[in-house]
Amino acid sequence: MDIKAKITEIVDKIKKDPSLAEEFTKNPEKAIEGIIGVDIPDGALDTVVTGVKAKLTGDKLSGVADTLKNLF
């Protein structure tokens, strides 16, 4: 399994679905299990959860940087 590709897939689905984004905020592991359709033992998704959070945060920071760039 390509973890980076899976993270990108998960991030894309979270961005498109506000209720899924809310669920991810409350319980990231359960949200990811729902997206990929596999029940994974608690704690086993730590790497994926961390990657998804980093990518979501990075995308938000990128948007902020673009907005600031347009101010000057």
N, C-alpha and C. Protein backbone atom coordinates (compact mmCIF):
# COMPACT_ATOMS: atom_id res chain seq x y z
N MET A 1 0.85 -1.18 0.00
CA MET A 1 0.00 0.00 0.00
C MET A 1 0.89 1.24 0.00
N ASP A 2 0.57 2.19 -0.87
CA ASP A 2 1.30 3.45 -0.95
C ASP A 2 0.66 4.42 0.05
N ILE A 3 1.34 4.62 1.18
CA ILE A 3 0.80 5.45 2.26
C ILE A 3 0.56 6.89 1.80
N LYS A 4 1.51 7.46 1.05
CA LYS A 4 1.34 8.85 0.58
C LYS A 4 0.10 8.98 -0.30
N ALA A 5 -0.11 8.03 -1.18
CA ALA A 5 -1.29 8.07 -2.05
C ALA A 5 -2.57 7.93 -1.24
N LYS A 6 -2.54 7.07 -0.23
CA LYS A 6 -3.72 6.86 0.63
C LYS A 6 -4.02 8.14 1.41
N ILE A 7 -2.97 8.80 1.92
CA ILE A 7 -3.16 10.06 2.66
C ILE A 7 -3.79 11.10 1.75
N THR A 8 -3.28 11.21 0.52
CA THR A 8 -3.84 12.17 -0.43
C THR A 8 -5.31 11.87 -0.71
N GLU A 9 -5.64 10.60 -0.88
CA GLU A 9 -7.02 10.19 -1.11
C GLU A 9 -7.92 10.57 0.07
N ILE A 10 -7.44 10.32 1.27
CA ILE A 10 -8.20 10.63 2.48
C ILE A 10 -8.41 12.14 2.61
N VAL A 11 -7.34 12.91 2.39
CA VAL A 11 -7.42 14.37 2.49
C VAL A 11 -8.43 14.91 1.48
N ASP A 12 -8.39 14.41 0.26
CA ASP A 12 -9.33 14.87 -0.77
C ASP A 12 -10.78 14.62 -0.35
N LYS A 13 -11.04 13.45 0.22
CA LYS A 13 -12.40 13.13 0.65
C LYS A 13 -12.83 14.01 1.83
N ILE A 14 -11.92 14.27 2.75
CA ILE A 14 -12.25 15.12 3.91
C ILE A 14 -12.54 16.54 3.46
N LYS A 15 -11.77 17.05 2.51
CA LYS A 15 -11.98 18.42 2.01
C LYS A 15 -13.33 18.58 1.32
N LYS A 16 -13.80 17.53 0.70
CA LYS A 16 -15.05 17.60 -0.07
C LYS A 16 -16.30 17.39 0.79
N ASP A 17 -16.14 16.89 2.00
CA ASP A 17 -17.28 16.51 2.83
C ASP A 17 -17.16 17.14 4.22
N PRO A 18 -17.89 18.25 4.47
CA PRO A 18 -17.80 18.93 5.77
C PRO A 18 -18.13 18.03 6.97
N SER A 19 -19.09 17.12 6.81
CA SER A 19 -19.43 16.24 7.93
C SER A 19 -18.30 15.25 8.21
N LEU A 20 -17.62 14.83 7.17
CA LEU A 20 -16.47 13.95 7.34
C LEU A 20 -15.31 14.71 7.98
N ALA A 21 -15.15 15.97 7.61
CA ALA A 21 -14.11 16.80 8.24
C ALA A 21 -14.38 16.96 9.73
N GLU A 22 -15.63 17.16 10.08
CA GLU A 22 -16.00 17.28 11.49
C GLU A 22 -15.73 15.97 12.24
N GLU A 23 -16.09 14.85 11.60
CA GLU A 23 -15.85 13.55 12.21
C GLU A 23 -14.35 13.32 12.39
N PHE A 24 -13.55 13.72 11.39
CA PHE A 24 -12.10 13.56 11.49
C PHE A 24 -11.54 14.37 12.65
N THR A 25 -12.08 15.56 12.86
CA THR A 25 -11.64 16.40 13.96
C THR A 25 -11.93 15.75 15.30
N LYS A 26 -13.10 15.11 15.42
CA LYS A 26 -13.50 14.49 16.68
C LYS A 26 -12.81 13.15 16.91
N ASN A 27 -12.72 12.33 15.87
CA ASN A 27 -12.16 10.99 16.02
C ASN A 27 -11.46 10.59 14.71
N PRO A 28 -10.22 11.00 14.54
CA PRO A 28 -9.52 10.77 13.27
C PRO A 28 -9.43 9.29 12.86
N GLU A 29 -9.14 8.42 13.80
CA GLU A 29 -8.99 7.01 13.45
C GLU A 29 -10.29 6.42 12.91
N LYS A 30 -11.40 6.70 13.57
CA LYS A 30 -12.69 6.16 13.12
C LYS A 30 -13.08 6.76 11.77
N ALA A 31 -12.78 8.03 11.55
CA ALA A 31 -13.10 8.67 10.27
C ALA A 31 -12.31 8.01 9.14
N ILE A 32 -11.03 7.75 9.39
CA ILE A 32 -10.19 7.12 8.36
C ILE A 32 -10.65 5.69 8.11
N GLU A 33 -11.00 4.98 9.16
CA GLU A 33 -11.52 3.62 8.98
C GLU A 33 -12.76 3.65 8.09
N GLY A 34 -13.62 4.63 8.30
CA GLY A 34 -14.82 4.75 7.47
C GLY A 34 -14.49 5.05 6.03
N ILE A 35 -13.48 5.87 5.80
CA ILE A 35 -13.10 6.24 4.43
C ILE A 35 -12.50 5.04 3.70
N ILE A 36 -11.60 4.32 4.37
CA ILE A 36 -10.93 3.21 3.68
C ILE A 36 -11.70 1.90 3.78
N GLY A 37 -12.71 1.86 4.66
CA GLY A 37 -13.57 0.70 4.77
C GLY A 37 -12.95 -0.50 5.47
N VAL A 38 -11.99 -0.23 6.35
CA VAL A 38 -11.32 -1.31 7.07
C VAL A 38 -11.27 -0.96 8.55
N ASP A 39 -11.60 -1.94 9.41
CA ASP A 39 -11.50 -1.74 10.85
C ASP A 39 -10.06 -2.04 11.27
N ILE A 40 -9.38 -1.04 11.73
CA ILE A 40 -7.97 -1.16 12.10
C ILE A 40 -7.85 -0.96 13.61
N PRO A 41 -7.02 -1.77 14.27
CA PRO A 41 -6.86 -1.64 15.73
C PRO A 41 -6.44 -0.22 16.14
N ASP A 42 -6.97 0.24 17.27
CA ASP A 42 -6.63 1.58 17.77
C ASP A 42 -5.12 1.73 17.86
N GLY A 43 -4.62 2.88 17.44
CA GLY A 43 -3.20 3.17 17.49
C GLY A 43 -2.45 2.79 16.23
N ALA A 44 -3.00 1.90 15.42
CA ALA A 44 -2.30 1.43 14.23
C ALA A 44 -2.31 2.48 13.11
N LEU A 45 -3.18 3.45 13.20
CA LEU A 45 -3.30 4.46 12.16
C LEU A 45 -2.54 5.75 12.49
N ASP A 46 -1.72 5.73 13.51
CA ASP A 46 -1.04 6.95 13.94
C ASP A 46 -0.30 7.65 12.81
N THR A 47 0.43 6.90 11.99
CA THR A 47 1.20 7.50 10.90
C THR A 47 0.28 8.15 9.88
N VAL A 48 -0.80 7.47 9.55
CA VAL A 48 -1.74 8.01 8.57
C VAL A 48 -2.44 9.25 9.13
N VAL A 49 -2.90 9.19 10.38
CA VAL A 49 -3.56 10.33 11.01
C VAL A 49 -2.62 11.53 11.03
N THR A 50 -1.38 11.31 11.41
CA THR A 50 -0.40 12.40 11.45
C THR A 50 -0.18 12.98 10.06
N GLY A 51 -0.08 12.12 9.06
CA GLY A 51 0.11 12.58 7.68
C GLY A 51 -1.07 13.38 7.17
N VAL A 52 -2.27 12.92 7.47
CA VAL A 52 -3.48 13.63 7.03
C VAL A 52 -3.57 14.99 7.71
N LYS A 53 -3.32 15.03 9.02
CA LYS A 53 -3.36 16.31 9.74
C LYS A 53 -2.33 17.27 9.18
N ALA A 54 -1.13 16.79 8.89
CA ALA A 54 -0.07 17.65 8.36
C ALA A 54 -0.46 18.19 6.99
N LYS A 55 -1.02 17.33 6.16
CA LYS A 55 -1.41 17.78 4.82
C LYS A 55 -2.57 18.76 4.88
N LEU A 56 -3.55 18.52 5.74
CA LEU A 56 -4.66 19.46 5.89
C LEU A 56 -4.17 20.80 6.42
N THR A 57 -3.31 20.78 7.41
CA THR A 57 -2.76 22.01 7.98
C THR A 57 -1.88 22.72 6.97
N GLY A 58 -1.07 21.97 6.25
CA GLY A 58 -0.20 22.56 5.23
C GLY A 58 -0.99 23.24 4.15
N ASP A 59 -2.09 22.62 3.71
CA ASP A 59 -2.93 23.22 2.69
C ASP A 59 -3.56 24.50 3.20
N LYS A 60 -3.97 24.53 4.46
CA LYS A 60 -4.55 25.75 5.03
C LYS A 60 -3.51 26.84 5.10
N LEU A 61 -2.28 26.48 5.51
CA LEU A 61 -1.21 27.47 5.60
C LEU A 61 -0.85 27.99 4.22
N SER A 62 -0.89 27.14 3.23
CA SER A 62 -0.61 27.56 1.86
C SER A 62 -1.62 28.59 1.40
N GLY A 63 -2.90 28.37 1.72
CA GLY A 63 -3.95 29.32 1.36
C GLY A 63 -3.76 30.66 2.06
N VAL A 64 -3.35 30.62 3.32
CA VAL A 64 -3.08 31.85 4.07
C VAL A 64 -1.91 32.59 3.45
N ALA A 65 -0.88 31.86 3.09
CA ALA A 65 0.30 32.49 2.48
C ALA A 65 -0.08 33.15 1.16
N ASP A 66 -0.91 32.48 0.35
CA ASP A 66 -1.36 33.07 -0.91
C ASP A 66 -2.16 34.35 -0.67
N THR A 67 -3.01 34.34 0.34
CA THR A 67 -3.80 35.52 0.67
C THR A 67 -2.90 36.67 1.11
N LEU A 68 -1.94 36.38 1.95
CA LEU A 68 -1.02 37.42 2.41
C LEU A 68 -0.20 37.96 1.26
N LYS A 69 0.21 37.09 0.36
CA LYS A 69 1.00 37.51 -0.79
C LYS A 69 0.23 38.52 -1.63
N ASN A 70 -1.08 38.33 -1.73
CA ASN A 70 -1.90 39.24 -2.53
C ASN A 70 -2.10 40.60 -1.88
N LEU A 71 -1.81 40.71 -0.59
CA LEU A 71 -1.95 41.99 0.10
C LEU A 71 -0.81 42.95 -0.21
N PHE A 72 0.32 42.42 -0.61
CA PHE A 72 1.50 43.27 -0.83
C PHE A 72 1.85 43.42 -2.27
